Amino acid sequence: MDVEILDEQTHAGYIIQQVLNYGTLPEFATIIHFYNPETIKQAIKQAGYFDPKTFAFVLSYFDLDKNELQCYTKKRLHQAHWI
């Protein structure tokens, strides 16, 4: 994504997901202070992917049920068959 056209409100979901997946603890603190909790939770619920460590962290930190997260429910739909 072009940083020049990145808007912190319009692209909040993208920014939050990227910081959670690839950011540092100080960057996480920045999004916590910049965005309201509901915006962050909504972005987490709609995210397409979290690595396993981030997935566990966001569930615990934001007290979410894994079934609320699109990345979890979508992953469960596409499980490979045993051969």
PDB file of N, CA and C in Angstrom:
ATOM      1  N   MET A   1       0.847  -1.176   0.000  1.00  0.00           N
ATOM      2  CA  MET A   1       0.000   0.000   0.000  1.00  0.00           C
ATOM      3  C   MET A   1       0.891   1.237   0.000  1.00  0.00           C
ATOM      4  N   ASP A   2       0.487   2.218  -0.760  1.00  0.00           N
ATOM      5  CA  ASP A   2       1.238   3.464  -0.865  1.00  0.00           C
ATOM      6  C   ASP A   2       1.052   4.287   0.408  1.00  0.00           C
ATOM      7  N   VAL A   3       2.134   4.537   1.102  1.00  0.00           N
ATOM      8  CA  VAL A   3       2.099   5.268   2.369  1.00  0.00           C
ATOM      9  C   VAL A   3       1.595   6.696   2.168  1.00  0.00           C
ATOM     10  N   GLU A   4       1.814   7.247   0.998  1.00  0.00           N
ATOM     11  CA  GLU A   4       1.383   8.619   0.717  1.00  0.00           C
ATOM     12  C   GLU A   4      -0.142   8.762   0.746  1.00  0.00           C
ATOM     13  N   ILE A   5      -0.865   7.707   0.388  1.00  0.00           N
ATOM     14  CA  ILE A   5      -2.327   7.795   0.371  1.00  0.00           C
ATOM     15  C   ILE A   5      -2.966   7.098   1.578  1.00  0.00           C
ATOM     16  N   LEU A   6      -2.152   6.595   2.474  1.00  0.00           N
ATOM     17  CA  LEU A   6      -2.650   5.906   3.661  1.00  0.00           C
ATOM     18  C   LEU A   6      -3.271   6.919   4.621  1.00  0.00           C
ATOM     19  N   ASP A   7      -4.520   6.708   4.957  1.00  0.00           N
ATOM     20  CA  ASP A   7      -5.229   7.586   5.888  1.00  0.00           C
ATOM     21  C   ASP A   7      -5.500   6.808   7.171  1.00  0.00           C
ATOM     22  N   GLU A   8      -5.144   7.391   8.307  1.00  0.00           N
ATOM     23  CA  GLU A   8      -5.239   6.651   9.577  1.00  0.00           C
ATOM     24  C   GLU A   8      -6.671   6.297   9.969  1.00  0.00           C
ATOM     25  N   GLN A   9      -7.652   7.018   9.482  1.00  0.00           N
ATOM     26  CA  GLN A   9      -9.040   6.674   9.802  1.00  0.00           C
ATOM     27  C   GLN A   9      -9.647   5.745   8.748  1.00  0.00           C
ATOM     28  N   THR A  10      -9.458   6.084   7.497  1.00  0.00           N
ATOM     29  CA  THR A  10     -10.015   5.268   6.416  1.00  0.00           C
ATOM     30  C   THR A  10      -9.408   3.874   6.394  1.00  0.00           C
ATOM     31  N   HIS A  11      -8.126   3.784   6.662  1.00  0.00           N
ATOM     32  CA  HIS A  11      -7.407   2.511   6.597  1.00  0.00           C
ATOM     33  C   HIS A  11      -7.066   1.964   7.987  1.00  0.00           C
ATOM     34  N   ALA A  12      -7.900   2.276   8.958  1.00  0.00           N
ATOM     35  CA  ALA A  12      -7.630   1.856  10.340  1.00  0.00           C
ATOM     36  C   ALA A  12      -7.485   0.341  10.457  1.00  0.00           C
ATOM     37  N   GLY A  13      -8.356  -0.402   9.820  1.00  0.00           N
ATOM     38  CA  GLY A  13      -8.290  -1.861   9.904  1.00  0.00           C
ATOM     39  C   GLY A  13      -6.975  -2.409   9.392  1.00  0.00           C
ATOM     40  N   TYR A  14      -6.540  -1.891   8.265  1.00  0.00           N
ATOM     41  CA  TYR A  14      -5.272  -2.324   7.677  1.00  0.00           C
ATOM     42  C   TYR A  14      -4.102  -1.974   8.597  1.00  0.00           C
ATOM     43  N   ILE A  15      -4.097  -0.759   9.101  1.00  0.00           N
ATOM     44  CA  ILE A  15      -3.004  -0.310   9.974  1.00  0.00           C
ATOM     45  C   ILE A  15      -2.952  -1.151  11.243  1.00  0.00           C
ATOM     46  N   ILE A  16      -4.096  -1.368  11.850  1.00  0.00           N
ATOM     47  CA  ILE A  16      -4.150  -2.150  13.090  1.00  0.00           C
ATOM     48  C   ILE A  16      -3.670  -3.574  12.846  1.00  0.00           C
ATOM     49  N   GLN A  17      -4.142  -4.189  11.779  1.00  0.00           N
ATOM     50  CA  GLN A  17      -3.722  -5.561  11.477  1.00  0.00           C
ATOM     51  C   GLN A  17      -2.216  -5.635  11.227  1.00  0.00           C
ATOM     52  N   GLN A  18      -1.674  -4.693  10.491  1.00  0.00           N
ATOM     53  CA  GLN A  18      -0.242  -4.705  10.198  1.00  0.00           C
ATOM     54  C   GLN A  18       0.589  -4.507  11.468  1.00  0.00           C
ATOM     55  N   VAL A  19       0.164  -3.590  12.316  1.00  0.00           N
ATOM     56  CA  VAL A  19       0.905  -3.354  13.561  1.00  0.00           C
ATOM     57  C   VAL A  19       0.835  -4.583  14.462  1.00  0.00           C
ATOM     58  N   LEU A  20      -0.332  -5.198  14.546  1.00  0.00           N
ATOM     59  CA  LEU A  20      -0.446  -6.390  15.391  1.00  0.00           C
ATOM     60  C   LEU A  20       0.414  -7.537  14.859  1.00  0.00           C
ATOM     61  N   ASN A  21       0.446  -7.718  13.560  1.00  0.00           N
ATOM     62  CA  ASN A  21       1.225  -8.816  12.986  1.00  0.00           C
ATOM     63  C   ASN A  21       2.723  -8.543  12.940  1.00  0.00           C
ATOM     64  N   TYR A  22       3.109  -7.306  12.657  1.00  0.00           N
ATOM     65  CA  TYR A  22       4.520  -7.031  12.381  1.00  0.00           C
ATOM     66  C   TYR A  22       5.146  -5.951  13.254  1.00  0.00           C
ATOM     67  N   GLY A  23       4.348  -5.296  14.070  1.00  0.00           N
ATOM     68  CA  GLY A  23       4.849  -4.166  14.842  1.00  0.00           C
ATOM     69  C   GLY A  23       5.552  -4.560  16.127  1.00  0.00           C
ATOM     70  N   THR A  24       6.064  -3.548  16.768  1.00  0.00           N
ATOM     71  CA  THR A  24       6.751  -3.713  18.046  1.00  0.00           C
ATOM     72  C   THR A  24       5.794  -3.354  19.181  1.00  0.00           C
ATOM     73  N   LEU A  25       6.214  -3.604  20.395  1.00  0.00           N
ATOM     74  CA  LEU A  25       5.386  -3.261  21.546  1.00  0.00           C
ATOM     75  C   LEU A  25       5.104  -1.755  21.620  1.00  0.00           C
ATOM     76  N   PRO A  26       6.091  -0.887  21.383  1.00  0.00           N
ATOM     77  CA  PRO A  26       5.775   0.553  21.370  1.00  0.00           C
ATOM     78  C   PRO A  26       4.777   0.933  20.266  1.00  0.00           C
ATOM     79  N   GLU A  27       4.843   0.275  19.128  1.00  0.00           N
ATOM     80  CA  GLU A  27       3.877   0.550  18.060  1.00  0.00           C
ATOM     81  C   GLU A  27       2.479   0.072  18.461  1.00  0.00           C
ATOM     82  N   PHE A  28       2.422  -1.056  19.160  1.00  0.00           N
ATOM     83  CA  PHE A  28       1.144  -1.537  19.681  1.00  0.00           C
ATOM     84  C   PHE A  28       0.565  -0.515  20.661  1.00  0.00           C
ATOM     85  N   ALA A  29       1.401   0.005  21.537  1.00  0.00           N
ATOM     86  CA  ALA A  29       0.947   1.019  22.496  1.00  0.00           C
ATOM     87  C   ALA A  29       0.412   2.251  21.769  1.00  0.00           C
ATOM     88  N   THR A  30       1.023   2.588  20.654  1.00  0.00           N
ATOM     89  CA  THR A  30       0.567   3.741  19.878  1.00  0.00           C
ATOM     90  C   THR A  30      -0.838   3.518  19.329  1.00  0.00           C
ATOM     91  N   ILE A  31      -1.102   2.334  18.783  1.00  0.00           N
ATOM     92  CA  ILE A  31      -2.456   2.119  18.252  1.00  0.00           C
ATOM     93  C   ILE A  31      -3.483   2.049  19.384  1.00  0.00           C
ATOM     94  N   ILE A  32      -3.077   1.547  20.537  1.00  0.00           N
ATOM     95  CA  ILE A  32      -3.986   1.504  21.686  1.00  0.00           C
ATOM     96  C   ILE A  32      -4.386   2.920  22.097  1.00  0.00           C
ATOM     97  N   HIS A  33      -3.442   3.844  22.043  1.00  0.00           N
ATOM     98  CA  HIS A  33      -3.735   5.224  22.422  1.00  0.00           C
ATOM     99  C   HIS A  33      -4.400   6.019  21.300  1.00  0.00           C
ATOM    100  N   PHE A  34      -4.154   5.640  20.056  1.00  0.00           N
ATOM    101  CA  PHE A  34      -4.674   6.399  18.922  1.00  0.00           C
ATOM    102  C   PHE A  34      -6.111   6.017  18.571  1.00  0.00           C
ATOM    103  N   TYR A  35      -6.399   4.713  18.557  1.00  0.00           N
ATOM    104  CA  TYR A  35      -7.729   4.233  18.173  1.00  0.00           C
ATOM    105  C   TYR A  35      -8.539   3.854  19.404  1.00  0.00           C
ATOM    106  N   ASN A  36      -9.856   4.005  19.301  1.00  0.00           N
ATOM    107  CA  ASN A  36     -10.691   3.598  20.428  1.00  0.00           C
ATOM    108  C   ASN A  36     -10.801   2.070  20.453  1.00  0.00           C
ATOM    109  N   PRO A  37     -11.090   1.507  21.607  1.00  0.00           N
ATOM    110  CA  PRO A  37     -11.111   0.045  21.747  1.00  0.00           C
ATOM    111  C   PRO A  37     -12.064  -0.666  20.778  1.00  0.00           C
ATOM    112  N   GLU A  38     -13.203  -0.065  20.498  1.00  0.00           N
ATOM    113  CA  GLU A  38     -14.153  -0.708  19.582  1.00  0.00           C
ATOM    114  C   GLU A  38     -13.620  -0.758  18.154  1.00  0.00           C
ATOM    115  N   THR A  39     -12.916   0.270  17.739  1.00  0.00           N
ATOM    116  CA  THR A  39     -12.309   0.276  16.405  1.00  0.00           C
ATOM    117  C   THR A  39     -11.270  -0.830  16.299  1.00  0.00           C
ATOM    118  N   ILE A  40     -10.475  -0.986  17.333  1.00  0.00           N
ATOM    119  CA  ILE A  40      -9.446  -2.027  17.341  1.00  0.00           C
ATOM    120  C   ILE A  40     -10.087  -3.411  17.326  1.00  0.00           C
ATOM    121  N   LYS A  41     -11.084  -3.612  18.167  1.00  0.00           N
ATOM    122  CA  LYS A  41     -11.752  -4.918  18.209  1.00  0.00           C
ATOM    123  C   LYS A  41     -12.413  -5.248  16.876  1.00  0.00           C
ATOM    124  N   GLN A  42     -13.031  -4.264  16.266  1.00  0.00           N
ATOM    125  CA  GLN A  42     -13.678  -4.500  14.972  1.00  0.00           C
ATOM    126  C   GLN A  42     -12.641  -4.860  13.913  1.00  0.00           C
ATOM    127  N   ALA A  43     -11.517  -4.177  13.922  1.00  0.00           N
ATOM    128  CA  ALA A  43     -10.445  -4.479  12.966  1.00  0.00           C
ATOM    129  C   ALA A  43      -9.907  -5.890  13.192  1.00  0.00           C
ATOM    130  N   ILE A  44      -9.777  -6.278  14.441  1.00  0.00           N
ATOM    131  CA  ILE A  44      -9.298  -7.623  14.767  1.00  0.00           C
ATOM    132  C   ILE A  44     -10.295  -8.668  14.279  1.00  0.00           C
ATOM    133  N   LYS A  45     -11.558  -8.422  14.509  1.00  0.00           N
ATOM    134  CA  LYS A  45     -12.590  -9.382  14.100  1.00  0.00           C
ATOM    135  C   LYS A  45     -12.648  -9.547  12.586  1.00  0.00           C
ATOM    136  N   GLN A  46     -12.338  -8.501  11.849  1.00  0.00           N
ATOM    137  CA  GLN A  46     -12.425  -8.547  10.392  1.00  0.00           C
ATOM    138  C   GLN A  46     -11.107  -8.894   9.711  1.00  0.00           C
ATOM    139  N   ALA A  47     -10.052  -9.033  10.475  1.00  0.00           N
ATOM    140  CA  ALA A  47      -8.737  -9.310   9.890  1.00  0.00           C
ATOM    141  C   ALA A  47      -8.738 -10.655   9.171  1.00  0.00           C
ATOM    142  N   GLY A  48      -8.023 -10.704   8.079  1.00  0.00           N
ATOM    143  CA  GLY A  48      -7.949 -11.931   7.301  1.00  0.00           C
ATOM    144  C   GLY A  48      -6.907 -12.914   7.792  1.00  0.00           C
ATOM    145  N   TYR A  49      -5.922 -12.430   8.544  1.00  0.00           N
ATOM    146  CA  TYR A  49      -4.854 -13.322   8.994  1.00  0.00           C
ATOM    147  C   TYR A  49      -4.163 -12.754  10.228  1.00  0.00           C
ATOM    148  N   PHE A  50      -3.877 -13.637  11.158  1.00  0.00           N
ATOM    149  CA  PHE A  50      -2.961 -13.373  12.268  1.00  0.00           C
ATOM    150  C   PHE A  50      -2.086 -14.601  12.423  1.00  0.00           C
ATOM    151  N   ASP A  51      -0.810 -14.386  12.652  1.00  0.00           N
ATOM    152  CA  ASP A  51       0.049 -15.532  12.935  1.00  0.00           C
ATOM    153  C   ASP A  51      -0.391 -16.109  14.284  1.00  0.00           C
ATOM    154  N   PRO A  52      -0.043 -17.355  14.578  1.00  0.00           N
ATOM    155  CA  PRO A  52      -0.535 -18.002  15.805  1.00  0.00           C
ATOM    156  C   PRO A  52      -0.240 -17.224  17.098  1.00  0.00           C
ATOM    157  N   LYS A  53       0.929 -16.633  17.185  1.00  0.00           N
ATOM    158  CA  LYS A  53       1.290 -15.878  18.392  1.00  0.00           C
ATOM    159  C   LYS A  53       0.418 -14.634  18.537  1.00  0.00           C
ATOM    160  N   THR A  54       0.227 -13.916  17.454  1.00  0.00           N
ATOM    161  CA  THR A  54      -0.612 -12.720  17.482  1.00  0.00           C
ATOM    162  C   THR A  54      -2.060 -13.092  17.756  1.00  0.00           C
ATOM    163  N   PHE A  55      -2.506 -14.179  17.160  1.00  0.00           N
ATOM    164  CA  PHE A  55      -3.870 -14.660  17.370  1.00  0.00           C
ATOM    165  C   PHE A  55      -4.124 -14.901  18.858  1.00  0.00           C
ATOM    166  N   ALA A  56      -3.228 -15.615  19.505  1.00  0.00           N
ATOM    167  CA  ALA A  56      -3.380 -15.899  20.936  1.00  0.00           C
ATOM    168  C   ALA A  56      -3.329 -14.609  21.760  1.00  0.00           C
ATOM    169  N   PHE A  57      -2.448 -13.705  21.373  1.00  0.00           N
ATOM    170  CA  PHE A  57      -2.316 -12.442  22.099  1.00  0.00           C
ATOM    171  C   PHE A  57      -3.593 -11.610  22.022  1.00  0.00           C
ATOM    172  N   VAL A  58      -4.138 -11.424  20.818  1.00  0.00           N
ATOM    173  CA  VAL A  58      -5.325 -10.571  20.693  1.00  0.00           C
ATOM    174  C   VAL A  58      -6.537 -11.188  21.388  1.00  0.00           C
ATOM    175  N   LEU A  59      -6.639 -12.504  21.363  1.00  0.00           N
ATOM    176  CA  LEU A  59      -7.738 -13.147  22.086  1.00  0.00           C
ATOM    177  C   LEU A  59      -7.652 -12.842  23.575  1.00  0.00           C
ATOM    178  N   SER A  60      -6.466 -12.961  24.109  1.00  0.00           N
ATOM    179  CA  SER A  60      -6.267 -12.742  25.537  1.00  0.00           C
ATOM    180  C   SER A  60      -6.372 -11.262  25.911  1.00  0.00           C
ATOM    181  N   TYR A  61      -5.669 -10.419  25.198  1.00  0.00           N
ATOM    182  CA  TYR A  61      -5.600  -9.002  25.549  1.00  0.00           C
ATOM    183  C   TYR A  61      -6.961  -8.319  25.429  1.00  0.00           C
ATOM    184  N   PHE A  62      -7.695  -8.636  24.367  1.00  0.00           N
ATOM    185  CA  PHE A  62      -8.974  -7.974  24.122  1.00  0.00           C
ATOM    186  C   PHE A  62     -10.170  -8.807  24.581  1.00  0.00           C
ATOM    187  N   ASP A  63      -9.905  -9.928  25.238  1.00  0.00           N
ATOM    188  CA  ASP A  63     -10.947 -10.802  25.780  1.00  0.00           C
ATOM    189  C   ASP A  63     -11.995 -11.145  24.711  1.00  0.00           C
ATOM    190  N   LEU A  64     -11.504 -11.699  23.608  1.00  0.00           N
ATOM    191  CA  LEU A  64     -12.369 -12.063  22.493  1.00  0.00           C
ATOM    192  C   LEU A  64     -12.512 -13.578  22.400  1.00  0.00           C
ATOM    193  N   ASP A  65     -13.609 -14.006  21.820  1.00  0.00           N
ATOM    194  CA  ASP A  65     -13.829 -15.418  21.532  1.00  0.00           C
ATOM    195  C   ASP A  65     -13.281 -15.688  20.131  1.00  0.00           C
ATOM    196  N   LYS A  66     -12.535 -16.756  19.976  1.00  0.00           N
ATOM    197  CA  LYS A  66     -11.918 -17.034  18.676  1.00  0.00           C
ATOM    198  C   LYS A  66     -12.942 -17.169  17.556  1.00  0.00           C
ATOM    199  N   ASN A  67     -14.149 -17.578  17.884  1.00  0.00           N
ATOM    200  CA  ASN A  67     -15.185 -17.725  16.860  1.00  0.00           C
ATOM    201  C   ASN A  67     -15.694 -16.387  16.328  1.00  0.00           C
ATOM    202  N   GLU A  68     -15.324 -15.296  16.994  1.00  0.00           N
ATOM    203  CA  GLU A  68     -15.695 -13.959  16.524  1.00  0.00           C
ATOM    204  C   GLU A  68     -14.749 -13.461  15.431  1.00  0.00           C
ATOM    205  N   LEU A  69     -13.601 -14.088  15.297  1.00  0.00           N
ATOM    206  CA  LEU A  69     -12.584 -13.608  14.370  1.00  0.00           C
ATOM    207  C   LEU A  69     -12.726 -14.276  13.008  1.00  0.00           C
ATOM    208  N   GLN A  70     -12.808 -13.448  11.991  1.00  0.00           N
ATOM    209  CA  GLN A  70     -12.961 -13.941  10.628  1.00  0.00           C
ATOM    210  C   GLN A  70     -11.780 -14.825  10.225  1.00  0.00           C
ATOM    211  N   CYS A  71     -10.589 -14.483  10.660  1.00  0.00           N
ATOM    212  CA  CYS A  71      -9.424 -15.283  10.277  1.00  0.00           C
ATOM    213  C   CYS A  71      -9.511 -16.699  10.845  1.00  0.00           C
ATOM    214  N   TYR A  72     -10.188 -16.873  11.969  1.00  0.00           N
ATOM    215  CA  TYR A  72     -10.351 -18.211  12.548  1.00  0.00           C
ATOM    216  C   TYR A  72     -11.476 -18.968  11.860  1.00  0.00           C
ATOM    217  N   THR A  73     -12.604 -18.319  11.684  1.00  0.00           N
ATOM    218  CA  THR A  73     -13.742 -19.016  11.079  1.00  0.00           C
ATOM    219  C   THR A  73     -13.462 -19.341   9.616  1.00  0.00           C
ATOM    220  N   LYS A  74     -12.767 -18.458   8.920  1.00  0.00           N
ATOM    221  CA  LYS A  74     -12.420 -18.714   7.518  1.00  0.00           C
ATOM    222  C   LYS A  74     -11.422 -19.862   7.420  1.00  0.00           C
ATOM    223  N   LYS A  75     -10.471 -19.907   8.337  1.00  0.00           N
ATOM    224  CA  LYS A  75      -9.465 -20.967   8.342  1.00  0.00           C
ATOM    225  C   LYS A  75     -10.124 -22.328   8.574  1.00  0.00           C
ATOM    226  N   ARG A  76     -11.094 -22.377   9.468  1.00  0.00           N
ATOM    227  CA  ARG A  76     -11.776 -23.633   9.763  1.00  0.00           C
ATOM    228  C   ARG A  76     -12.576 -24.132   8.568  1.00  0.00           C
ATOM    229  N   LEU A  77     -13.047 -23.236   7.730  1.00  0.00           N
ATOM    230  CA  LEU A  77     -13.822 -23.646   6.563  1.00  0.00           C
ATOM    231  C   LEU A  77     -12.963 -24.304   5.491  1.00  0.00           C
ATOM    232  N   HIS A  78     -11.672 -24.008   5.493  1.00  0.00           N
ATOM    233  CA  HIS A  78     -10.789 -24.482   4.429  1.00  0.00           C
ATOM    234  C   HIS A  78      -9.767 -25.505   4.920  1.00  0.00           C
ATOM    235  N   GLN A  79     -10.177 -26.378   5.806  1.00  0.00           N
ATOM    236  CA  GLN A  79      -9.261 -27.401   6.291  1.00  0.00           C
ATOM    237  C   GLN A  79      -9.063 -28.471   5.222  1.00  0.00           C
ATOM    238  N   ALA A  80      -7.843 -28.945   5.124  1.00  0.00           N
ATOM    239  CA  ALA A  80      -7.523 -29.984   4.139  1.00  0.00           C
ATOM    240  C   ALA A  80      -8.095 -31.331   4.584  1.00  0.00           C
ATOM    241  N   HIS A  81      -8.421 -32.135   3.607  1.00  0.00           N
ATOM    242  CA  HIS A  81      -8.931 -33.477   3.894  1.00  0.00           C
ATOM    243  C   HIS A  81      -7.774 -34.440   4.120  1.00  0.00           C
ATOM    244  N   TRP A  82      -8.029 -35.423   4.925  1.00  0.00           N
ATOM    245  CA  TRP A  82      -7.017 -36.455   5.155  1.00  0.00           C
ATOM    246  C   TRP A  82      -6.956 -37.359   3.937  1.00  0.00           C
ATOM    247  N   ILE A  83      -5.775 -37.770   3.613  1.00  0.00           N
ATOM    248  CA  ILE A  83      -5.615 -38.697   2.480  1.00  0.00           C
ATOM    249  C   ILE A  83      -5.008 -39.982   2.979  1.00  0.00           C
TER     250      ILE A  83
END
